[in-house]
Amino acid sequence: MFSNIGVPGLILILVLALIIFGPKKLPEIGRAFGQTLKEFKKSTRELTEDVMDDIKDEKEKLTK
């Protein structure tokens, strides 16, 4: 998705974000984005573990 943005496009996006949000808001926005990604990864990991546990339980039921 972001593979064809390139360095100039990325710099343009960062400059626009700096102009729109200002230098004081950017760290807060970055921190919030990081927290969101962290929670998303945690939820994905938990969901994957739950599905794998269910699959394991079903296999055990079938072998009995």
Protein backbone atom coordinates (compact mmCIF):
# COMPACT_ATOMS: atom_id res chain seq x y z
CA MET A 1 0.00 0.00 0.00
CA PHE A 2 2.68 2.50 1.01
CA SER A 3 5.38 0.99 -1.19
CA ASN A 4 4.86 3.46 -4.04
CA ILE A 5 4.78 6.66 -1.93
CA GLY A 6 8.56 7.09 -1.93
CA VAL A 7 10.73 9.41 0.11
CA PRO A 8 9.53 12.69 -1.47
CA GLY A 9 5.90 11.74 -0.85
CA LEU A 10 6.64 10.79 2.73
CA ILE A 11 8.43 14.10 3.34
CA LEU A 12 5.47 15.96 1.84
CA ILE A 13 3.04 14.12 4.13
CA LEU A 14 5.17 14.89 7.20
CA VAL A 15 5.44 18.59 6.29
CA LEU A 16 1.68 18.82 5.76
CA ALA A 17 1.05 17.12 9.10
CA LEU A 18 3.42 19.57 10.77
CA ILE A 19 1.62 22.53 9.19
CA ILE A 20 -1.87 21.22 9.98
CA PHE A 21 -1.34 19.97 13.54
CA GLY A 22 1.61 22.04 14.70
CA PRO A 23 4.79 20.94 16.48
CA LYS A 24 3.11 20.57 19.88
CA LYS A 25 0.38 18.17 18.73
CA LEU A 26 2.51 15.85 16.60
CA PRO A 27 4.11 13.97 19.54
CA GLU A 28 0.68 13.45 21.08
CA ILE A 29 -0.73 12.18 17.80
CA GLY A 30 2.26 9.86 17.34
CA ARG A 31 1.91 8.54 20.87
CA ALA A 32 -1.81 7.89 20.40
CA PHE A 33 -1.14 6.15 17.08
CA GLY A 34 1.51 3.97 18.71
CA GLN A 35 -0.86 3.03 21.54
CA THR A 36 -3.54 2.15 19.02
CA LEU A 37 -1.18 -0.10 17.08
CA LYS A 38 -0.03 -1.75 20.30
CA GLU A 39 -3.63 -2.50 21.34
CA PHE A 40 -4.47 -3.77 17.85
CA LYS A 41 -1.51 -6.15 17.87
CA LYS A 42 -2.43 -7.36 21.35
CA SER A 43 -6.04 -8.00 20.33
CA THR A 44 -4.95 -9.80 17.17
CA ARG A 45 -2.55 -11.98 19.14
CA GLU A 46 -5.25 -12.87 21.69
CA LEU A 47 -7.76 -13.69 18.97
CA THR A 48 -5.23 -15.91 17.21
CA GLU A 49 -4.46 -17.73 20.45
CA ASP A 50 -8.18 -18.28 21.11
CA VAL A 51 -8.73 -19.71 17.64
CA MET A 52 -5.70 -21.98 17.95
CA ASP A 53 -6.94 -23.20 21.35
CA ASP A 54 -10.36 -23.95 19.86
CA ILE A 55 -8.77 -25.88 17.00
CA LYS A 56 -6.65 -27.84 19.45
CA ASP A 57 -9.71 -28.68 21.55
CA GLU A 58 -11.65 -29.83 18.48
CA LYS A 59 -8.75 -32.07 17.38
CA GLU A 60 -8.62 -33.61 20.86
CA LYS A 61 -12.37 -34.28 20.77
CA LEU A 62 -12.08 -35.97 17.39
CA THR A 63 -9.24 -38.26 18.51
CA LYS A 64 -11.15 -39.52 21.58
